[in-house]
Amino acid sequence: MAVNNPLPYIFTAIGSVAATVVALNYYGYMHVAKPQDALLLAEFTMLKTYEGEDYRLSLKPAEQVAQCVDGVLVLFDTKQQGLTGVLVDDKKRAVRCTQGRPERQVR
């Protein structure tokens, strides 16, 4: 079976992909992130604390609030409603948390 004109097949394939993307976006299964929605991990610094040593912090709180959800540290932005994210390290591994005092691991 020889195909004389492949153009209708190409247009059908492109139209199908476009219709699928539009339908997924309409029903909320796709979200295109904007640059202002993202918080860079580089904006956060971990202060290592030593017992008996003082450290200073700003009195003004950050615009993010952290909460432990299912053992993962989730950040909620108080300035932009609906902006939430999971705190990850440089290898995209989620930062784990416990509900109480963190357990110390013995190595």
C-alpha atoms as a PDB file:
ATOM      1  CA  MET A   1       0.000   0.000   0.000  1.00  0.00           C
ATOM      2  CA  ALA A   2       1.612   3.219  -1.143  1.00  0.00           C
ATOM      3  CA  VAL A   3       0.851   6.531   0.488  1.00  0.00           C
ATOM      4  CA  ASN A   4       0.566   9.260  -2.108  1.00  0.00           C
ATOM      5  CA  ASN A   5       0.120  12.230   0.210  1.00  0.00           C
ATOM      6  CA  PRO A   6       1.413  12.010   3.826  1.00  0.00           C
ATOM      7  CA  LEU A   7       0.343  15.607   4.636  1.00  0.00           C
ATOM      8  CA  PRO A   8      -3.087  14.668   6.113  1.00  0.00           C
ATOM      9  CA  TYR A   9      -1.405  12.210   8.497  1.00  0.00           C
ATOM     10  CA  ILE A  10       1.122  14.830   9.626  1.00  0.00           C
ATOM     11  CA  PHE A  11      -1.612  17.446  10.209  1.00  0.00           C
ATOM     12  CA  THR A  12      -3.732  14.889  12.068  1.00  0.00           C
ATOM     13  CA  ALA A  13      -0.816  13.994  14.365  1.00  0.00           C
ATOM     14  CA  ILE A  14       0.012  17.650  15.091  1.00  0.00           C
ATOM     15  CA  GLY A  15      -3.670  18.472  15.672  1.00  0.00           C
ATOM     16  CA  SER A  16      -4.061  15.504  18.035  1.00  0.00           C
ATOM     17  CA  VAL A  17      -1.081  16.576  20.130  1.00  0.00           C
ATOM     18  CA  ALA A  18      -2.324  20.185  20.240  1.00  0.00           C
ATOM     19  CA  ALA A  19      -5.851  19.109  21.222  1.00  0.00           C
ATOM     20  CA  THR A  20      -4.447  16.850  23.956  1.00  0.00           C
ATOM     21  CA  VAL A  21      -2.342  19.677  25.401  1.00  0.00           C
ATOM     22  CA  VAL A  22      -5.295  22.090  25.345  1.00  0.00           C
ATOM     23  CA  ALA A  23      -7.583  19.535  27.033  1.00  0.00           C
ATOM     24  CA  LEU A  24      -5.019  18.704  29.741  1.00  0.00           C
ATOM     25  CA  ASN A  25      -4.456  22.399  30.424  1.00  0.00           C
ATOM     26  CA  TYR A  26      -8.203  23.134  30.541  1.00  0.00           C
ATOM     27  CA  TYR A  27      -8.900  20.398  33.106  1.00  0.00           C
ATOM     28  CA  GLY A  28      -5.957  21.428  35.292  1.00  0.00           C
ATOM     29  CA  TYR A  29      -3.640  18.496  34.663  1.00  0.00           C
ATOM     30  CA  MET A  30      -0.899  20.790  33.337  1.00  0.00           C
ATOM     31  CA  HIS A  31       0.666  23.750  35.071  1.00  0.00           C
ATOM     32  CA  VAL A  32       3.224  25.972  33.395  1.00  0.00           C
ATOM     33  CA  ALA A  33       5.462  27.358  36.130  1.00  0.00           C
ATOM     34  CA  LYS A  34       6.382  31.010  35.967  1.00  0.00           C
ATOM     35  CA  PRO A  35       9.804  32.222  37.128  1.00  0.00           C
ATOM     36  CA  GLN A  36       8.223  34.231  39.947  1.00  0.00           C
ATOM     37  CA  ASP A  37       6.566  31.033  41.250  1.00  0.00           C
ATOM     38  CA  ALA A  38       9.875  29.350  41.960  1.00  0.00           C
ATOM     39  CA  LEU A  39      12.040  29.760  45.016  1.00  0.00           C
ATOM     40  CA  LEU A  40      15.655  28.873  44.456  1.00  0.00           C
ATOM     41  CA  LEU A  41      17.314  26.529  46.889  1.00  0.00           C
ATOM     42  CA  ALA A  42      20.248  28.949  46.850  1.00  0.00           C
ATOM     43  CA  GLU A  43      18.026  31.478  48.659  1.00  0.00           C
ATOM     44  CA  PHE A  44      18.122  29.294  51.764  1.00  0.00           C
ATOM     45  CA  THR A  45      21.097  28.671  54.017  1.00  0.00           C
ATOM     46  CA  MET A  46      21.405  26.156  56.806  1.00  0.00           C
ATOM     47  CA  LEU A  47      22.913  27.568  59.969  1.00  0.00           C
ATOM     48  CA  LYS A  48      24.828  24.862  61.779  1.00  0.00           C
ATOM     49  CA  THR A  49      24.269  25.245  65.503  1.00  0.00           C
ATOM     50  CA  TYR A  50      26.667  24.096  68.184  1.00  0.00           C
ATOM     51  CA  GLU A  51      25.638  23.491  71.755  1.00  0.00           C
ATOM     52  CA  GLY A  52      26.557  26.450  73.960  1.00  0.00           C
ATOM     53  CA  GLU A  53      27.257  28.788  71.038  1.00  0.00           C
ATOM     54  CA  ASP A  54      25.122  31.836  70.262  1.00  0.00           C
ATOM     55  CA  TYR A  55      23.933  32.780  66.804  1.00  0.00           C
ATOM     56  CA  ARG A  56      21.964  35.761  65.578  1.00  0.00           C
ATOM     57  CA  LEU A  57      18.834  35.809  63.458  1.00  0.00           C
ATOM     58  CA  SER A  58      16.727  38.595  62.032  1.00  0.00           C
ATOM     59  CA  LEU A  59      13.644  39.519  64.043  1.00  0.00           C
ATOM     60  CA  LYS A  60      11.631  39.804  60.818  1.00  0.00           C
ATOM     61  CA  PRO A  61      10.274  36.352  59.861  1.00  0.00           C
ATOM     62  CA  ALA A  62      10.689  34.877  56.386  1.00  0.00           C
ATOM     63  CA  GLU A  63       7.825  34.899  53.901  1.00  0.00           C
ATOM     64  CA  GLN A  64       7.765  31.091  53.922  1.00  0.00           C
ATOM     65  CA  VAL A  65       6.363  28.764  56.560  1.00  0.00           C
ATOM     66  CA  ALA A  66       7.574  25.162  56.775  1.00  0.00           C
ATOM     67  CA  GLN A  67       5.418  22.252  57.824  1.00  0.00           C
ATOM     68  CA  CYS A  68       6.075  18.534  58.093  1.00  0.00           C
ATOM     69  CA  VAL A  69       3.649  16.713  55.763  1.00  0.00           C
ATOM     70  CA  ASP A  70       3.978  12.925  55.536  1.00  0.00           C
ATOM     71  CA  GLY A  71       7.604  13.089  56.643  1.00  0.00           C
ATOM     72  CA  VAL A  72       8.619  15.681  54.018  1.00  0.00           C
ATOM     73  CA  LEU A  73       9.370  19.359  54.684  1.00  0.00           C
ATOM     74  CA  VAL A  74       6.873  21.466  52.707  1.00  0.00           C
ATOM     75  CA  LEU A  75       7.223  25.239  52.337  1.00  0.00           C
ATOM     76  CA  PHE A  76       4.169  27.471  52.095  1.00  0.00           C
ATOM     77  CA  ASP A  77       4.600  31.031  50.829  1.00  0.00           C
ATOM     78  CA  THR A  78       2.631  33.575  52.858  1.00  0.00           C
ATOM     79  CA  LYS A  79       3.057  36.336  50.283  1.00  0.00           C
ATOM     80  CA  GLN A  80       1.745  34.442  47.237  1.00  0.00           C
ATOM     81  CA  GLN A  81      -1.279  32.362  48.157  1.00  0.00           C
ATOM     82  CA  GLY A  82      -1.296  28.863  46.712  1.00  0.00           C
ATOM     83  CA  LEU A  83       2.471  28.699  46.211  1.00  0.00           C
ATOM     84  CA  THR A  84       3.787  25.600  47.937  1.00  0.00           C
ATOM     85  CA  GLY A  85       6.827  23.468  47.372  1.00  0.00           C
ATOM     86  CA  VAL A  86       8.894  20.648  48.744  1.00  0.00           C
ATOM     87  CA  LEU A  87      12.358  21.534  50.022  1.00  0.00           C
ATOM     88  CA  VAL A  88      14.978  19.479  48.153  1.00  0.00           C
ATOM     89  CA  ASP A  89      18.757  19.289  48.108  1.00  0.00           C
ATOM     90  CA  ASP A  90      21.017  19.770  45.078  1.00  0.00           C
ATOM     91  CA  LYS A  91      20.267  16.212  43.896  1.00  0.00           C
ATOM     92  CA  LYS A  92      16.474  16.787  44.025  1.00  0.00           C
ATOM     93  CA  ARG A  93      16.070  14.583  47.130  1.00  0.00           C
ATOM     94  CA  ALA A  94      13.319  15.701  49.495  1.00  0.00           C
ATOM     95  CA  VAL A  95      14.361  17.007  52.905  1.00  0.00           C
ATOM     96  CA  ARG A  96      12.808  14.687  55.490  1.00  0.00           C
ATOM     97  CA  CYS A  97      11.381  15.798  58.829  1.00  0.00           C
ATOM     98  CA  THR A  98       9.905  14.368  61.993  1.00  0.00           C
ATOM     99  CA  GLN A  99       6.944  15.647  63.978  1.00  0.00           C
ATOM    100  CA  GLY A 100       8.905  16.270  67.155  1.00  0.00           C
ATOM    101  CA  ARG A 101      12.514  16.802  67.986  1.00  0.00           C
ATOM    102  CA  PRO A 102      14.793  15.488  65.215  1.00  0.00           C
ATOM    103  CA  GLU A 103      16.422  12.182  65.955  1.00  0.00           C
ATOM    104  CA  ARG A 104      20.197  12.118  65.999  1.00  0.00           C
ATOM    105  CA  GLN A 105      21.816   9.459  63.862  1.00  0.00           C
ATOM    106  CA  VAL A 106      24.838   7.676  65.261  1.00  0.00           C
ATOM    107  CA  ARG A 107      27.481   6.827  62.683  1.00  0.00           C
END
